[in-house]
Amino acid sequence: MTLVRRAARPMLASVFVLGGIDALRDPAPRAKAAESVTPTLTRMFPQLPSDTVTLVRLSGATQVAGGVALCAGFLPRLSAAALAATLIPQTLAGHRFWEEPDGEARRNQRQHFLKGIGLLGGLLLAAVDTEGQPGLAWRARRASDDLQQSTRRLSGRARRETKLATRAAKQEAKLLRAETKARIAA
């Protein structure tokens, strides 16, 4: 792992670990804000709890687990994707700047909203980071190309072997016919 990844992952994860702990300890303030997105979430994902407090705690637990895993480098792509999944509804619920009537409050909420979007961008980059190794799609394409090349090589070799065997069989048949004619003549 490079030095940049070793430093960047804990930096990115720290926000989620602390925020997740706060959500687990005191979910009430976040639950009030989450009421605006809970119906949409439960409609999109019926397996999620419809109780807002439970949903906030679940999100907090996911953030703590995902943050610690990302920080430790354990399944970093999956951890980043899980954190991104919790960040989207959290940002939409907690920073609804379009609903703020006051100009200063609107600017403040918009700034926090954009910070959430920035964190989401960082998480998406972490979710697709293959650490310099080829991705799964590239490896699958490469394996397919290698298999096609091997198949072509083997079929060419089989064609040559068949041609040689056919020639040898024709020569053998010719010799046998000549021997048979010689025996009949003798």
Protein backbone atom coordinates (compact mmCIF):
# COMPACT_ATOMS: atom_id res chain seq x y z
CA MET A 1 0.00 0.00 0.00
CA THR A 2 1.41 3.40 -0.90
CA LEU A 3 2.05 6.12 1.64
CA VAL A 4 -0.76 8.24 0.19
CA ARG A 5 -3.32 5.46 0.61
CA ARG A 6 -2.00 4.66 4.08
CA ALA A 7 -2.56 8.28 5.13
CA ALA A 8 -5.69 9.13 3.10
CA ARG A 9 -7.88 6.23 4.18
CA PRO A 10 -7.76 7.03 7.92
CA MET A 11 -8.30 10.72 7.14
CA LEU A 12 -11.40 9.92 5.14
CA ALA A 13 -12.62 7.32 7.62
CA SER A 14 -12.24 9.45 10.76
CA VAL A 15 -15.30 11.58 9.97
CA PHE A 16 -17.47 8.48 9.71
CA VAL A 17 -16.14 6.75 12.83
CA LEU A 18 -16.80 9.82 15.00
CA GLY A 19 -20.13 10.60 13.33
CA GLY A 20 -21.23 6.98 13.67
CA ILE A 21 -20.37 6.94 17.38
CA ASP A 22 -22.39 10.13 17.87
CA ALA A 23 -25.34 8.59 16.00
CA LEU A 24 -25.20 5.48 18.18
CA ARG A 25 -24.96 7.43 21.44
CA ASP A 26 -27.55 10.11 20.71
CA PRO A 27 -29.69 9.32 17.64
CA ALA A 28 -32.53 11.75 18.50
CA PRO A 29 -31.20 14.90 16.74
CA ARG A 30 -30.34 12.96 13.60
CA ALA A 31 -33.63 11.05 13.74
CA LYS A 32 -35.59 14.29 13.56
CA ALA A 33 -33.68 15.33 10.44
CA ALA A 34 -33.92 11.80 8.97
CA GLU A 35 -37.73 11.84 9.08
CA SER A 36 -37.69 13.62 5.72
CA VAL A 37 -35.88 10.76 3.94
CA THR A 38 -37.09 7.72 5.92
CA PRO A 39 -40.28 7.13 3.88
CA THR A 40 -38.32 7.21 0.62
CA LEU A 41 -35.65 4.86 1.98
CA THR A 42 -38.14 2.33 3.33
CA ARG A 43 -40.05 2.43 0.04
CA MET A 44 -36.84 1.83 -1.95
CA PHE A 45 -35.47 -0.76 0.50
CA PRO A 46 -38.36 -2.49 2.29
CA GLN A 47 -35.98 -4.61 4.38
CA LEU A 48 -34.81 -1.47 6.26
CA PRO A 49 -36.54 -0.61 9.55
CA SER A 50 -39.23 2.06 9.27
CA ASP A 51 -38.44 3.42 12.73
CA THR A 52 -36.28 6.51 12.20
CA VAL A 53 -34.26 6.12 15.42
CA THR A 54 -33.39 2.51 14.53
CA LEU A 55 -32.49 3.60 11.01
CA VAL A 56 -30.15 6.29 12.37
CA ARG A 57 -28.52 3.79 14.72
CA LEU A 58 -28.11 1.30 11.87
CA SER A 59 -26.50 4.00 9.76
CA GLY A 60 -24.23 4.93 12.68
CA ALA A 61 -23.18 1.32 13.21
CA THR A 62 -22.47 0.97 9.48
CA GLN A 63 -20.39 4.13 9.58
CA VAL A 64 -18.35 2.97 12.57
CA ALA A 65 -17.75 -0.50 11.08
CA GLY A 66 -17.07 0.83 7.58
CA GLY A 67 -14.85 3.61 8.89
CA VAL A 68 -12.75 1.28 11.03
CA ALA A 69 -12.46 -1.20 8.14
CA LEU A 70 -11.47 1.54 5.69
CA CYS A 71 -8.96 2.93 8.17
CA ALA A 72 -7.43 -0.53 8.68
CA GLY A 73 -7.41 -1.28 4.95
CA PHE A 74 -9.73 -4.27 5.44
CA LEU A 75 -11.94 -4.64 2.35
CA PRO A 76 -11.38 -0.96 1.54
CA ARG A 77 -13.49 -0.90 -1.62
CA LEU A 78 -16.49 -2.51 0.06
CA SER A 79 -16.05 -0.32 3.15
CA ALA A 80 -15.95 2.84 1.04
CA ALA A 81 -19.07 1.75 -0.87
CA ALA A 82 -20.94 1.07 2.40
CA LEU A 83 -19.93 4.47 3.75
CA ALA A 84 -21.07 6.14 0.53
CA ALA A 85 -24.44 4.40 0.84
CA THR A 86 -24.92 5.86 4.33
CA LEU A 87 -23.67 9.30 3.36
CA ILE A 88 -26.22 9.97 0.62
CA PRO A 89 -29.36 9.91 2.80
CA GLN A 90 -27.47 11.54 5.67
CA THR A 91 -26.47 14.49 3.49
CA LEU A 92 -29.93 14.81 1.96
CA ALA A 93 -31.59 14.71 5.38
CA GLY A 94 -29.15 16.81 7.37
CA HIS A 95 -28.33 19.64 5.00
CA ARG A 96 -31.52 20.66 3.22
CA PHE A 97 -30.28 24.12 2.27
CA TRP A 98 -33.10 24.59 -0.24
CA GLU A 99 -35.60 24.64 2.62
CA GLU A 100 -33.79 27.33 4.65
CA PRO A 101 -35.52 30.73 4.57
CA ASP A 102 -32.61 32.65 6.12
CA GLY A 103 -29.76 33.57 3.75
CA GLU A 104 -26.94 32.91 6.25
CA ALA A 105 -28.42 29.58 7.36
CA ARG A 106 -28.92 28.63 3.71
CA ARG A 107 -25.27 29.37 2.89
CA ASN A 108 -24.13 27.40 5.93
CA GLN A 109 -26.29 24.38 5.05
CA ARG A 110 -25.23 24.58 1.39
CA GLN A 111 -21.58 24.55 2.50
CA HIS A 112 -22.19 21.44 4.63
CA PHE A 113 -24.13 19.84 1.76
CA LEU A 114 -21.20 20.42 -0.60
CA LYS A 115 -18.77 19.01 1.99
CA GLY A 116 -20.93 15.88 2.06
CA ILE A 117 -20.80 15.72 -1.73
CA GLY A 118 -17.00 16.10 -1.54
CA LEU A 119 -16.76 13.25 0.97
CA LEU A 120 -18.98 11.18 -1.32
CA GLY A 121 -16.55 11.84 -4.18
CA GLY A 122 -13.64 10.69 -2.03
CA LEU A 123 -15.52 7.55 -1.04
CA LEU A 124 -16.38 6.77 -4.65
CA LEU A 125 -12.70 7.10 -5.59
CA ALA A 126 -11.79 4.78 -2.71
CA ALA A 127 -14.50 2.34 -3.80
CA VAL A 128 -13.01 1.95 -7.28
CA ASP A 129 -9.33 2.14 -6.25
CA THR A 130 -7.61 -1.09 -7.23
CA GLU A 131 -4.29 -0.04 -5.65
CA GLY A 132 -2.50 -0.05 -8.98
CA GLN A 133 -3.58 -3.59 -9.77
CA PRO A 134 -5.72 -4.32 -12.81
CA GLY A 135 -9.43 -4.35 -12.11
CA LEU A 136 -11.64 -7.40 -12.38
CA ALA A 137 -13.02 -6.39 -15.79
CA TRP A 138 -9.52 -5.99 -17.23
CA ARG A 139 -8.40 -9.33 -15.79
CA ALA A 140 -11.48 -11.07 -17.22
CA ARG A 141 -10.86 -9.54 -20.67
CA ARG A 142 -7.21 -10.52 -20.47
CA ALA A 143 -8.06 -14.11 -19.51
CA SER A 144 -10.55 -14.30 -22.38
CA ASP A 145 -7.98 -12.98 -24.86
CA ASP A 146 -5.35 -15.41 -23.57
CA LEU A 147 -7.81 -18.29 -23.89
CA GLN A 148 -8.67 -17.31 -27.47
CA GLN A 149 -4.99 -17.09 -28.36
CA SER A 150 -4.26 -20.48 -26.81
CA THR A 151 -7.24 -22.00 -28.62
CA ARG A 152 -6.02 -20.60 -31.95
CA ARG A 153 -2.52 -21.90 -31.30
CA LEU A 154 -3.81 -25.37 -30.37
CA SER A 155 -6.17 -25.56 -33.34
CA GLY A 156 -3.29 -24.59 -35.67
CA ARG A 157 -1.11 -27.27 -34.11
CA ALA A 158 -3.94 -29.82 -34.43
CA ARG A 159 -4.40 -28.88 -38.10
CA ARG A 160 -0.67 -29.37 -38.78
CA GLU A 161 -0.63 -32.69 -36.91
CA THR A 162 -3.70 -33.85 -38.84
CA LYS A 163 -2.10 -32.87 -42.14
CA LEU A 164 1.11 -34.73 -41.26
CA ALA A 165 -0.83 -37.79 -40.09
CA THR A 166 -2.87 -37.75 -43.31
CA ARG A 167 0.30 -37.58 -45.42
CA ALA A 168 1.89 -40.38 -43.44
CA ALA A 169 -1.27 -42.50 -43.80
CA LYS A 170 -1.35 -41.88 -47.57
CA GLN A 171 2.31 -42.86 -47.89
CA GLU A 172 1.73 -45.95 -45.75
CA ALA A 173 -1.29 -46.88 -47.89
CA LYS A 174 0.77 -46.38 -51.04
CA LEU A 175 3.51 -48.63 -49.68
CA LEU A 176 0.96 -51.28 -48.64
CA ARG A 177 -0.62 -51.21 -52.10
CA ALA A 178 2.79 -51.55 -53.69
CA GLU A 179 3.62 -54.48 -51.38
CA THR A 180 0.26 -56.10 -52.08
CA LYS A 181 0.76 -55.75 -55.85
CA ALA A 182 4.27 -57.19 -55.51
CA ARG A 183 2.95 -60.21 -53.55
CA ILE A 184 0.16 -60.79 -56.04
CA ALA A 185 2.62 -60.56 -58.92
CA ALA A 186 5.00 -63.00 -57.21
